[in-house]
Amino acid sequence: MKLKYYVGFRILMIIPTLLIILTLVFFIMHVLPGDPVRIMWGEEIPDTIIEEIRHNLGLDRPIHIQYIEYLKKFIRGDFGTSYRYKVSVLDKVKEVWPTTLEITIGGILLSIIMGIPLGIICALRKGGIIDQVTRIFSLYLYSNPSFWLALILQIYLGLTWGLLPTSGRCSLSYDIPRVTGMITIDSIMALNFRALFENLRYLIMPWLTVALVRMPRYARISRASLLNVLGEDYIITARAKGVRERTVIIKHALRNAILPIITMLAGSFVWLLGGTVFIEMIFSQPGMGRLLLEGLRGRDFNMIQGIVAIYAIIVVGLNTVVEVIYAVADPRIKY
């Protein structure tokens, strides 16, 4: 199968995957106990008004009709109106999306900078002191949940030592044109480095939390992958020919050892987009995870379904891109 046909097939597979996810989320939300109208408007509202609200929201129609209407709106890119915020779900997501993206990208970059070089050093010095200490420290970090690490950083870096603010976003007093919605990027584009520095102070602890959670995985997988590649015949042959060790490591070993890391990067990005909910709550960062949690508390059907649909598109899209990159990067993979 040629690459273009393989890519086309993977893109077509997105359709049934999204349909299954959207169907499951829709029906799960509608079979859960509790009336979303009562939750949002309170028990004191008369039944006649509640029934009128349910009719206006379309919640009194048969469930299969609601499902068909939901799919039609999704195809048009309409995720409905939030019951809680009374605004378009897409508009609300656009408002908070940059915060989650900023935390996720910054945390992943920091974890890569910390984890992958450490894993490579451990692989090249297998069994040494650095390797042993790193493995123990990585195991300790791996066993700690993200909310615990976030609280520890808050207590010491924020409250005890007073180095960083414990929660919130950059001060609203900075007038920065909104281009991407990510304050760090917008501050650089506006050449407002004072705002950039101030925003970084609020982001360091969330980034550190993400990095400390993901760094052990990058260190362990890069160490194991490089050790596996270093035992291959072509590496032994290259060394036997007298090729410099630096060339063997950089040109031959790292290129093939990086493939599992590419897969993990995509998985980490997807996981963090939804997994930052605790980090966003602890550090009072208005992101998508926090928005999803608020939607679950208030049984905001449209908000929950919209966020899950966006997550599903990102997950399926990233997995497809990774599979294509994998097929292109590794000639041993047949498509």
Protein backbone atom coordinates (compact mmCIF):
# COMPACT_ATOMS: atom_id res chain seq x y z
CA MET A 1 0.00 0.00 0.00
CA LYS A 2 1.38 3.39 -0.97
CA LEU A 3 1.81 6.05 1.68
CA LYS A 4 -0.94 8.28 0.27
CA TYR A 5 -3.46 5.42 0.43
CA TYR A 6 -2.37 4.61 3.95
CA VAL A 7 -2.85 8.25 5.02
CA GLY A 8 -6.27 8.33 3.33
CA PHE A 9 -7.32 5.15 5.11
CA ARG A 10 -6.23 6.50 8.49
CA ILE A 11 -8.14 9.74 7.90
CA LEU A 12 -11.30 7.81 6.95
CA MET A 13 -11.01 5.76 10.13
CA ILE A 14 -11.42 9.01 12.10
CA ILE A 15 -15.12 9.13 11.16
CA PRO A 16 -16.33 5.87 12.81
CA THR A 17 -14.04 6.45 15.80
CA LEU A 18 -15.52 9.88 16.49
CA LEU A 19 -19.05 8.56 15.94
CA ILE A 20 -18.57 5.83 18.56
CA ILE A 21 -17.09 8.26 21.10
CA LEU A 22 -19.81 10.89 20.58
CA THR A 23 -22.56 8.27 20.81
CA LEU A 24 -21.23 6.83 24.06
CA VAL A 25 -20.83 10.25 25.68
CA PHE A 26 -24.30 11.38 24.60
CA PHE A 27 -26.16 8.38 25.99
CA ILE A 28 -24.05 8.15 29.15
CA MET A 29 -24.84 11.77 29.98
CA HIS A 30 -28.56 11.19 29.43
CA VAL A 31 -28.84 8.07 31.60
CA LEU A 32 -27.02 9.55 34.60
CA PRO A 33 -29.33 10.36 37.53
CA GLY A 34 -30.30 13.93 38.23
CA ASP A 35 -32.13 16.66 36.35
CA PRO A 36 -29.73 19.27 34.90
CA VAL A 37 -32.48 21.90 34.90
CA ARG A 38 -33.13 21.40 38.62
CA ILE A 39 -29.39 21.43 39.33
CA MET A 40 -28.90 24.76 37.56
CA TRP A 41 -32.10 26.59 38.53
CA GLY A 42 -32.69 25.11 42.00
CA GLU A 43 -35.42 23.12 43.66
CA GLU A 44 -37.50 26.21 44.52
CA ILE A 45 -38.48 26.88 40.90
CA PRO A 46 -42.10 25.81 40.16
CA ASP A 47 -42.62 22.72 38.02
CA THR A 48 -44.38 24.72 35.28
CA ILE A 49 -41.32 26.94 34.80
CA ILE A 50 -39.02 23.89 34.90
CA GLU A 51 -41.05 22.20 32.18
CA GLU A 52 -40.94 25.39 30.08
CA ILE A 53 -37.15 25.58 30.45
CA ARG A 54 -36.84 21.89 29.51
CA HIS A 55 -38.97 22.53 26.42
CA ASN A 56 -36.91 25.56 25.39
CA LEU A 57 -33.71 23.52 25.77
CA GLY A 58 -35.16 20.60 23.84
CA LEU A 59 -34.74 18.19 26.75
CA ASP A 60 -38.36 17.01 26.63
CA ARG A 61 -38.03 15.52 23.16
CA PRO A 62 -37.40 11.78 22.61
CA ILE A 63 -33.78 10.86 23.17
CA HIS A 64 -33.26 9.59 19.63
CA ILE A 65 -34.43 12.96 18.26
CA GLN A 66 -32.02 14.75 20.58
CA TYR A 67 -29.24 12.43 19.41
CA ILE A 68 -29.90 13.11 15.71
CA GLU A 69 -30.02 16.86 16.36
CA TYR A 70 -26.76 16.63 18.29
CA LEU A 71 -25.01 14.87 15.40
CA LYS A 72 -26.36 17.40 12.91
CA LYS A 73 -25.04 20.28 15.00
CA PHE A 74 -21.68 18.55 15.42
CA ILE A 75 -21.30 18.17 11.64
CA ARG A 76 -21.95 21.91 11.29
CA GLY A 77 -19.39 22.66 14.00
CA ASP A 78 -22.09 23.79 16.43
CA PHE A 79 -21.57 22.40 19.94
CA GLY A 80 -24.63 24.15 21.34
CA THR A 81 -25.04 26.71 24.11
CA SER A 82 -23.80 26.13 27.63
CA TYR A 83 -26.63 25.80 30.13
CA ARG A 84 -24.42 27.24 32.86
CA TYR A 85 -22.73 30.17 31.12
CA LYS A 86 -25.48 30.96 28.57
CA VAL A 87 -22.88 31.37 25.81
CA SER A 88 -21.73 29.22 22.91
CA VAL A 89 -19.72 26.20 24.05
CA LEU A 90 -17.18 26.85 21.32
CA ASP A 91 -16.75 30.47 22.41
CA LYS A 92 -16.21 29.40 26.03
CA VAL A 93 -13.71 26.75 24.98
CA LYS A 94 -11.82 29.28 22.86
CA GLU A 95 -11.61 31.50 25.93
CA VAL A 96 -10.00 28.88 28.20
CA TRP A 97 -8.25 26.67 25.63
CA PRO A 98 -5.03 28.76 25.47
CA THR A 99 -4.49 28.33 29.23
CA THR A 100 -4.56 24.53 29.00
CA LEU A 101 -2.40 24.61 25.90
CA GLU A 102 0.11 26.91 27.59
CA ILE A 103 0.40 24.65 30.64
CA THR A 104 0.59 21.49 28.52
CA ILE A 105 3.19 22.68 26.00
CA GLY A 106 5.38 24.33 28.63
CA GLY A 107 5.21 21.30 30.92
CA ILE A 108 6.00 18.84 28.13
CA LEU A 109 8.95 20.91 26.87
CA LEU A 110 10.36 21.14 30.39
CA SER A 111 9.90 17.40 30.96
CA ILE A 112 11.64 16.65 27.64
CA ILE A 113 14.57 18.90 28.55
CA MET A 114 14.85 17.17 31.91
CA GLY A 115 13.96 13.58 31.03
CA ILE A 116 15.41 12.61 27.65
CA PRO A 117 19.03 13.80 28.24
CA LEU A 118 18.91 12.16 31.67
CA GLY A 119 17.75 8.89 30.12
CA ILE A 120 20.50 9.03 27.51
CA ILE A 121 23.17 9.68 30.18
CA CYS A 122 21.86 6.75 32.23
CA ALA A 123 21.94 4.46 29.19
CA LEU A 124 25.52 5.43 28.34
CA ARG A 125 26.55 4.92 31.98
CA LYS A 126 24.46 1.86 32.72
CA GLY A 127 24.93 0.59 36.26
CA GLY A 128 26.79 3.70 37.42
CA ILE A 129 25.94 5.97 40.31
CA ILE A 130 24.02 8.43 38.13
CA ASP A 131 21.99 5.57 36.67
CA GLN A 132 21.13 4.10 40.07
CA VAL A 133 20.22 7.42 41.67
CA THR A 134 18.13 8.47 38.68
CA ARG A 135 16.19 5.20 38.66
CA ILE A 136 15.35 5.52 42.37
CA PHE A 137 14.41 9.20 42.05
CA SER A 138 12.31 8.51 38.94
CA LEU A 139 10.46 5.72 40.72
CA TYR A 140 9.71 8.07 43.60
CA LEU A 141 8.36 10.80 41.30
CA TYR A 142 6.41 8.25 39.26
CA SER A 143 4.62 7.02 42.39
CA ASN A 144 3.47 10.52 43.40
CA PRO A 145 0.18 11.85 41.95
CA SER A 146 0.21 15.21 40.23
CA PHE A 147 -2.02 16.94 42.80
CA TRP A 148 0.36 15.91 45.62
CA LEU A 149 3.39 17.32 43.82
CA ALA A 150 1.44 20.49 43.05
CA LEU A 151 0.58 20.95 46.73
CA ILE A 152 4.19 20.32 47.79
CA LEU A 153 5.44 22.96 45.34
CA GLN A 154 2.75 25.35 46.50
CA ILE A 155 3.70 24.91 50.16
CA TYR A 156 7.46 25.33 49.71
CA LEU A 157 7.95 27.56 46.65
CA GLY A 158 4.90 29.69 47.36
CA LEU A 159 4.07 29.80 51.05
CA THR A 160 7.30 28.86 52.85
CA TRP A 161 9.94 30.52 50.69
CA GLY A 162 7.74 33.07 48.93
CA LEU A 163 9.51 32.63 45.59
CA LEU A 164 6.43 32.30 43.38
CA PRO A 165 2.70 33.15 43.50
CA THR A 166 0.64 30.19 44.66
CA SER A 167 -2.27 30.58 42.22
CA GLY A 168 -3.91 32.67 39.53
CA ARG A 169 -2.88 34.10 36.19
CA CYS A 170 -0.89 37.13 35.10
CA SER A 171 -2.18 40.43 36.45
CA LEU A 172 -4.95 41.90 34.32
CA SER A 173 -3.28 45.31 34.58
CA TYR A 174 -1.07 44.37 31.63
CA ASP A 175 -2.67 45.48 28.39
CA ILE A 176 -1.58 42.78 25.93
CA PRO A 177 -3.25 42.34 22.52
CA ARG A 178 -4.88 38.89 22.39
CA VAL A 179 -3.51 37.03 19.38
CA THR A 180 -3.01 33.41 20.45
CA GLY A 181 -4.58 33.72 23.90
CA MET A 182 -1.38 32.36 25.47
CA ILE A 183 0.03 35.22 27.52
CA THR A 184 3.65 34.13 27.10
CA ILE A 185 3.42 34.15 23.31
CA ASP A 186 1.32 37.31 23.16
CA SER A 187 3.75 39.11 25.51
CA ILE A 188 6.69 38.22 23.27
CA MET A 189 4.81 39.35 20.16
CA ALA A 190 3.94 42.65 21.88
CA LEU A 191 7.55 42.96 23.15
CA ASN A 192 6.12 43.37 26.64
CA PHE A 193 8.79 41.51 28.56
CA ARG A 194 7.59 42.76 31.93
CA ALA A 195 4.27 41.00 31.34
CA LEU A 196 6.16 37.95 30.09
CA PHE A 197 8.26 37.75 33.24
CA GLU A 198 5.23 38.24 35.46
CA ASN A 199 3.25 35.53 33.64
CA LEU A 200 6.17 33.09 33.83
CA ARG A 201 6.13 33.46 37.61
CA TYR A 202 2.55 32.17 37.62
CA LEU A 203 3.33 29.32 35.20
CA ILE A 204 6.56 27.94 36.69
CA MET A 205 4.84 25.83 39.34
CA PRO A 206 2.24 24.31 36.97
CA TRP A 207 5.04 23.58 34.47
CA LEU A 208 7.20 22.04 37.18
CA THR A 209 4.31 19.85 38.31
CA VAL A 210 3.73 18.57 34.79
CA ALA A 211 7.46 18.10 34.22
CA LEU A 212 8.00 16.17 37.44
CA VAL A 213 5.07 13.89 36.62
CA ARG A 214 6.14 13.15 33.03
CA MET A 215 9.93 13.34 33.35
CA PRO A 216 10.37 9.82 34.85
CA ARG A 217 8.53 8.32 31.89
CA TYR A 218 10.73 10.10 29.35
CA ALA A 219 13.89 9.18 31.26
CA ARG A 220 12.93 5.51 31.57
CA ILE A 221 11.70 5.05 28.00
CA SER A 222 14.67 6.89 26.47
CA ARG A 223 17.09 4.84 28.61
CA ALA A 224 15.43 1.52 27.73
CA SER A 225 15.08 2.41 24.05
CA LEU A 226 18.70 3.50 23.69
CA LEU A 227 19.99 0.41 25.53
CA ASN A 228 17.93 -1.78 23.21
CA VAL A 229 19.32 -0.06 20.10
CA LEU A 230 22.91 -0.17 21.36
CA GLY A 231 22.68 -3.95 21.40
CA GLU A 232 21.72 -4.22 17.73
CA ASP A 233 24.07 -5.77 15.17
CA TYR A 234 24.46 -2.62 13.09
CA ILE A 235 25.73 -0.70 16.15
CA ILE A 236 28.28 -3.45 16.87
CA THR A 237 29.31 -3.41 13.20
CA ALA A 238 29.74 0.37 13.19
CA ARG A 239 31.95 0.20 16.26
CA ALA A 240 33.95 -2.66 14.74
CA LYS A 241 34.62 -0.51 11.67
CA GLY A 242 36.17 2.14 13.87
CA VAL A 243 33.38 4.70 13.64
CA ARG A 244 33.70 7.33 16.35
CA GLU A 245 31.54 6.67 19.40
CA ARG A 246 29.87 10.08 19.12
CA THR A 247 28.88 9.33 15.52
CA VAL A 248 27.59 5.89 16.49
CA ILE A 249 25.41 7.35 19.26
CA ILE A 250 24.11 10.43 17.44
CA LYS A 251 23.79 9.21 13.86
CA HIS A 252 22.88 5.55 14.30
CA ALA A 253 21.55 4.89 17.81
CA LEU A 254 19.53 7.99 18.69
CA ARG A 255 17.69 8.10 15.37
CA ASN A 256 16.11 4.69 15.99
CA ALA A 257 15.82 5.10 19.75
CA ILE A 258 13.73 8.25 19.29
CA LEU A 259 10.77 6.43 17.67
CA PRO A 260 9.16 5.16 20.91
CA ILE A 261 9.64 8.62 22.39
CA ILE A 262 7.64 10.16 19.52
CA THR A 263 4.74 7.89 20.36
CA MET A 264 4.99 8.78 24.05
CA LEU A 265 5.07 12.52 23.26
CA ALA A 266 1.76 12.34 21.43
CA GLY A 267 0.24 10.28 24.23
CA SER A 268 1.56 12.69 26.84
CA PHE A 269 0.14 15.70 25.02
CA VAL A 270 -3.28 14.08 24.77
CA TRP A 271 -3.20 12.93 28.39
CA LEU A 272 -2.15 16.31 29.69
CA LEU A 273 -4.87 18.18 27.80
CA GLY A 274 -7.41 16.35 29.91
CA GLY A 275 -5.22 15.46 32.85
CA THR A 276 -4.39 19.01 33.88
CA VAL A 277 -7.74 19.35 35.65
CA PHE A 278 -6.18 18.92 39.12
CA ILE A 279 -3.31 21.24 38.26
CA GLU A 280 -5.71 23.88 36.96
CA MET A 281 -7.88 23.59 40.05
CA ILE A 282 -4.99 23.74 42.54
CA PHE A 283 -3.29 26.69 40.85
CA SER A 284 -6.59 28.42 39.90
CA GLN A 285 -5.80 28.30 36.19
CA PRO A 286 -8.94 28.79 34.04
CA GLY A 287 -8.40 25.94 31.55
CA MET A 288 -10.42 23.24 29.81
CA GLY A 289 -9.95 20.68 32.56
CA ARG A 290 -11.44 23.03 35.10
CA LEU A 291 -14.25 23.91 32.68
CA LEU A 292 -15.03 20.21 32.15
CA LEU A 293 -15.17 19.59 35.90
CA GLU A 294 -17.56 22.50 36.38
CA GLY A 295 -19.72 21.12 33.55
CA LEU A 296 -19.84 17.70 35.22
CA ARG A 297 -20.85 19.23 38.53
CA GLY A 298 -23.69 21.18 36.92
CA ARG A 299 -24.73 18.46 34.42
CA ASP A 300 -24.12 20.93 31.60
CA PHE A 301 -24.78 18.47 28.75
CA ASN A 302 -23.70 20.72 25.91
CA MET A 303 -20.49 21.81 27.63
CA ILE A 304 -19.47 18.25 28.52
CA GLN A 305 -20.30 16.85 25.09
CA GLY A 306 -18.54 19.75 23.37
CA ILE A 307 -15.32 19.41 25.38
CA VAL A 308 -15.27 15.62 24.97
CA ALA A 309 -15.85 16.00 21.23
CA ILE A 310 -12.94 18.45 20.97
CA TYR A 311 -10.73 16.11 22.99
CA ALA A 312 -11.78 13.20 20.75
CA ILE A 313 -10.86 15.12 17.61
CA ILE A 314 -7.46 16.01 19.07
CA VAL A 315 -6.78 12.45 20.26
CA VAL A 316 -7.77 10.78 17.00
CA GLY A 317 -5.99 13.42 14.92
CA LEU A 318 -2.74 13.20 16.90
CA ASN A 319 -2.75 9.41 16.84
CA THR A 320 -3.20 9.47 13.08
CA VAL A 321 -0.34 11.95 12.65
CA VAL A 322 1.93 9.86 14.88
CA GLU A 323 1.18 6.68 12.95
CA VAL A 324 2.01 8.42 9.67
CA ILE A 325 5.23 9.90 11.12
CA TYR A 326 6.15 6.47 12.45
CA ALA A 327 5.64 4.88 9.04
CA VAL A 328 7.76 7.55 7.36
CA ALA A 329 10.53 7.59 9.99
CA ASP A 330 10.95 3.82 10.30
CA PRO A 331 11.53 2.07 6.96
CA ARG A 332 10.90 -1.31 8.61
CA ILE A 333 7.19 -0.46 8.99
CA LYS A 334 5.13 -1.63 6.06
CA TYR A 335 2.00 0.17 5.06
